[in-house]
C-alpha atoms as a PDB file:
ATOM      1  CA  MET A   1     196.662-202.335 319.448  1.00  0.00           C
ATOM      2  CA  HIS A   2     193.601-200.081 319.260  1.00  0.00           C
ATOM      3  CA  ILE A   3     192.437-198.995 315.789  1.00  0.00           C
ATOM      4  CA  SER A   4     190.486-195.764 315.796  1.00  0.00           C
ATOM      5  CA  ILE A   5     188.174-194.970 312.904  1.00  0.00           C
ATOM      6  CA  LYS A   6     186.567-191.551 312.634  1.00  0.00           C
ATOM      7  CA  ASN A   7     183.267-191.146 310.808  1.00  0.00           C
ATOM      8  CA  LEU A   8     182.793-187.716 309.237  1.00  0.00           C
ATOM      9  CA  ARG A   9     179.351-186.589 308.072  1.00  0.00           C
ATOM     10  CA  PHE A  10     178.523-183.398 306.183  1.00  0.00           C
ATOM     11  CA  ARG A  11     175.643-181.059 306.972  1.00  0.00           C
ATOM     12  CA  TYR A  12     175.029-180.315 303.281  1.00  0.00           C
ATOM     13  CA  ALA A  13     175.331-183.905 302.028  1.00  0.00           C
ATOM     14  CA  GLU A  14     172.643-185.021 299.608  1.00  0.00           C
ATOM     15  CA  ASN A  15     172.086-188.271 301.534  1.00  0.00           C
ATOM     16  CA  GLU A  16     172.418-189.028 305.228  1.00  0.00           C
ATOM     17  CA  SER A  17     174.500-192.049 304.288  1.00  0.00           C
ATOM     18  CA  ASP A  18     177.136-189.821 302.630  1.00  0.00           C
ATOM     19  CA  HIS A  19     180.123-189.889 304.941  1.00  0.00           C
ATOM     20  CA  LEU A  20     183.872-190.338 305.038  1.00  0.00           C
ATOM     21  CA  LEU A  21     185.864-192.701 307.189  1.00  0.00           C
ATOM     22  CA  PHE A  22     189.366-191.885 308.400  1.00  0.00           C
ATOM     23  CA  ARG A  23     191.763-194.221 310.203  1.00  0.00           C
ATOM     24  CA  ARG A  24     195.005-193.258 311.896  1.00  0.00           C
ATOM     25  CA  ALA A  25     197.905-195.406 310.732  1.00  0.00           C
ATOM     26  CA  SER A  26     200.601-196.598 313.143  1.00  0.00           C
ATOM     27  CA  SER A  27     202.852-193.916 311.638  1.00  0.00           C
ATOM     28  CA  GLY A  28     200.374-191.278 312.794  1.00  0.00           C
ATOM     29  CA  GLU A  29     199.208-190.520 309.258  1.00  0.00           C
ATOM     30  CA  LEU A  30     195.462-190.098 308.746  1.00  0.00           C
ATOM     31  CA  LEU A  31     194.134-192.422 306.024  1.00  0.00           C
ATOM     32  CA  LEU A  32     190.912-192.040 304.073  1.00  0.00           C
ATOM     33  CA  LEU A  33     189.013-195.313 303.849  1.00  0.00           C
ATOM     34  CA  GLU A  34     186.844-196.127 300.842  1.00  0.00           C
ATOM     35  CA  THR A  35     183.110-195.539 301.188  1.00  0.00           C
ATOM     36  CA  ARG A  36     180.332-195.178 298.633  1.00  0.00           C
ATOM     37  CA  PHE A  37     180.606-191.415 299.085  1.00  0.00           C
ATOM     38  CA  SER A  38     184.409-191.243 298.811  1.00  0.00           C
ATOM     39  CA  ALA A  39     184.195-193.179 295.550  1.00  0.00           C
ATOM     40  CA  GLN A  40     182.373-190.142 294.097  1.00  0.00           C
ATOM     41  CA  LEU A  41     185.197-187.798 295.113  1.00  0.00           C
ATOM     42  CA  ARG A  42     188.019-189.079 292.896  1.00  0.00           C
ATOM     43  CA  ASP A  43     188.935-185.619 291.531  1.00  0.00           C
ATOM     44  CA  PHE A  44     189.007-184.076 295.016  1.00  0.00           C
ATOM     45  CA  ILE A  45     191.078-186.981 296.349  1.00  0.00           C
ATOM     46  CA  GLU A  46     193.572-186.758 293.500  1.00  0.00           C
ATOM     47  CA  LEU A  47     194.033-182.995 293.736  1.00  0.00           C
ATOM     48  CA  HIS A  48     193.801-182.250 297.454  1.00  0.00           C
ATOM     49  CA  LEU A  49     195.077-185.458 299.050  1.00  0.00           C
ATOM     50  CA  ASN A  50     197.432-187.031 296.520  1.00  0.00           C
ATOM     51  CA  GLN A  51     198.921-183.852 295.025  1.00  0.00           C
ATOM     52  CA  GLN A  52     198.540-181.184 297.715  1.00  0.00           C
ATOM     53  CA  HIS A  53     198.644-183.523 300.732  1.00  0.00           C
ATOM     54  CA  SER A  54     196.068-181.399 302.568  1.00  0.00           C
ATOM     55  CA  ILE A  55     193.128-182.899 304.434  1.00  0.00           C
ATOM     56  CA  PRO A  56     191.819-179.437 305.492  1.00  0.00           C
ATOM     57  CA  VAL A  57     191.727-178.223 301.868  1.00  0.00           C
ATOM     58  CA  PHE A  58     190.150-181.548 300.813  1.00  0.00           C
ATOM     59  CA  LEU A  59     187.383-181.161 303.404  1.00  0.00           C
ATOM     60  CA  ALA A  60     186.879-177.475 302.574  1.00  0.00           C
ATOM     61  CA  ALA A  61     186.488-178.330 298.879  1.00  0.00           C
ATOM     62  CA  ILE A  62     183.897-181.007 299.668  1.00  0.00           C
ATOM     63  CA  ILE A  63     181.954-178.690 301.983  1.00  0.00           C
ATOM     64  CA  THR A  64     182.011-175.882 299.399  1.00  0.00           C
ATOM     65  CA  ASP A  65     180.864-178.245 296.653  1.00  0.00           C
ATOM     66  CA  LEU A  66     178.053-179.723 298.762  1.00  0.00           C
ATOM     67  CA  PHE A  67     176.935-176.288 299.955  1.00  0.00           C
ATOM     68  CA  SER A  68     176.845-174.948 296.412  1.00  0.00           C
ATOM     69  CA  ARG A  69     174.885-177.918 295.105  1.00  0.00           C
ATOM     70  CA  ARG A  70     172.416-177.734 297.934  1.00  0.00           C
ATOM     71  CA  THR A  71     171.903-173.973 297.960  1.00  0.00           C
ATOM     72  CA  PHE A  72     172.825-172.646 294.521  1.00  0.00           C
ATOM     73  CA  ASP A  73     173.274-175.676 292.279  1.00  0.00           C
ATOM     74  CA  THR A  74     175.765-173.683 290.202  1.00  0.00           C
ATOM     75  CA  VAL A  75     179.284-174.921 290.926  1.00  0.00           C
ATOM     76  CA  GLU A  76     180.855-177.177 288.323  1.00  0.00           C
ATOM     77  CA  TYR A  77     184.324-178.579 288.440  1.00  0.00           C
ATOM     78  CA  ASN A  78     185.773-178.869 284.964  1.00  0.00           C
ATOM     79  CA  THR A  79     188.601-180.922 283.645  1.00  0.00           C
ATOM     80  CA  GLU A  80     191.767-179.100 282.661  1.00  0.00           C
ATOM     81  CA  GLU A  81     190.831-179.643 279.014  1.00  0.00           C
ATOM     82  CA  GLU A  82     187.405-178.010 279.529  1.00  0.00           C
ATOM     83  CA  ASP A  83     189.062-175.083 281.307  1.00  0.00           C
ATOM     84  CA  GLU A  84     191.476-174.611 278.391  1.00  0.00           C
ATOM     85  CA  GLU A  85     188.611-174.729 275.856  1.00  0.00           C
ATOM     86  CA  ARG A  86     186.647-172.157 277.850  1.00  0.00           C
ATOM     87  CA  ALA A  87     189.714-169.877 278.062  1.00  0.00           C
ATOM     88  CA  GLU A  88     190.237-170.140 274.286  1.00  0.00           C
ATOM     89  CA  GLU A  89     186.579-169.293 273.631  1.00  0.00           C
ATOM     90  CA  GLU A  90     186.816-166.266 275.942  1.00  0.00           C
ATOM     91  CA  GLU A  91     189.988-165.098 274.163  1.00  0.00           C
ATOM     92  CA  GLU A  92     188.281-165.404 270.769  1.00  0.00           C
ATOM     93  CA  MET A  93     185.286-163.426 272.013  1.00  0.00           C
ATOM     94  CA  GLU A  94     187.568-160.686 273.394  1.00  0.00           C
ATOM     95  CA  GLU A  95     189.470-160.507 270.084  1.00  0.00           C
ATOM     96  CA  GLU A  96     186.192-160.206 268.152  1.00  0.00           C
ATOM     97  CA  GLU A  97     185.037-157.421 270.476  1.00  0.00           C
ATOM     98  CA  GLU A  98     188.363-155.610 270.020  1.00  0.00           C
ATOM     99  CA  ASP A  99     188.053-155.940 266.233  1.00  0.00           C
ATOM    100  CA  GLU A 100     184.518-154.519 266.374  1.00  0.00           C
ATOM    101  CA  ASP A 101     185.750-151.636 268.553  1.00  0.00           C
ATOM    102  CA  ASP A 102     188.596-150.959 266.132  1.00  0.00           C
ATOM    103  CA  ASP A 103     186.159-150.955 263.194  1.00  0.00           C
ATOM    104  CA  GLU A 104     183.862-148.498 264.972  1.00  0.00           C
ATOM    105  CA  GLU A 105     186.792-146.209 265.839  1.00  0.00           C
ATOM    106  CA  GLY A 106     187.932-146.308 262.203  1.00  0.00           C
ATOM    107  CA  GLU A 107     184.482-145.287 261.013  1.00  0.00           C
ATOM    108  CA  GLU A 108     184.409-142.379 263.454  1.00  0.00           C
ATOM    109  CA  GLU A 109     187.846-141.242 262.305  1.00  0.00           C
ATOM    110  CA  GLU A 110     186.753-141.446 258.676  1.00  0.00           C
ATOM    111  CA  GLU A 111     183.697-139.333 259.404  1.00  0.00           C
ATOM    112  CA  GLU A 112     185.804-136.714 261.148  1.00  0.00           C
ATOM    113  CA  ALA A 113     188.471-136.757 258.423  1.00  0.00           C
ATOM    114  CA  GLU A 114     186.087-136.003 255.546  1.00  0.00           C
ATOM    115  CA  PRO A 115     186.239-132.248 254.965  1.00  0.00           C
ATOM    116  CA  GLY A 116     183.009-130.376 254.423  1.00  0.00           C
ATOM    117  CA  PRO A 117     182.368-127.744 251.720  1.00  0.00           C
ATOM    118  CA  ALA A 118     183.454-124.888 253.999  1.00  0.00           C
ATOM    119  CA  ALA A 119     186.809-126.531 254.619  1.00  0.00           C
ATOM    120  CA  THR A 120     187.522-126.958 250.896  1.00  0.00           C
ATOM    121  CA  GLY A 121     186.684-123.402 250.039  1.00  0.00           C
ATOM    122  CA  GLY A 122     183.162-124.115 248.940  1.00  0.00           C
ATOM    123  CA  ASP A 123     181.453-125.975 246.166  1.00  0.00           C
ATOM    124  CA  ASP A 124     180.019-124.223 243.122  1.00  0.00           C
ATOM    125  CA  ASP A 125     176.892-126.385 243.304  1.00  0.00           C
ATOM    126  CA  ASP A 126     176.064-125.208 246.850  1.00  0.00           C
ATOM    127  CA  PRO A 127     173.506-122.389 247.108  1.00  0.00           C
ATOM    128  CA  ILE A 128     175.859-120.550 249.450  1.00  0.00           C
ATOM    129  CA  CYS A 129     179.421-120.534 248.380  1.00  0.00           C
ATOM    130  CA  ILE A 130     182.345-118.811 250.060  1.00  0.00           C
ATOM    131  CA  ASP A 131     185.426-118.364 247.903  1.00  0.00           C
END
């Protein structure tokens, strides 16, 4: 029986030694073998291989992550808890902005609602008075 192992390297990898090894099982299934690099990809493995069962999405996620780190250094993958905290913070900020907008609108309405001397028929203390 011939065992075929495929070595996959990434153009945007941080180290030349960063690679993945795949082996085809007798059932035809493609298996990811453990390497130093794959040990760093636990979140990707859990989500894309174990939950979604998609090697193409797994590889696309790795390539996107490596590309971003190498070119932009901006992509961060957060835990679900961090995502929830960030969403709550954004909601609070939006609510505060809405409250500020409501306060400003209320002030404008108050300014418009206050009648001037001409609207009340004049004021005896004004130099010009229309009765």
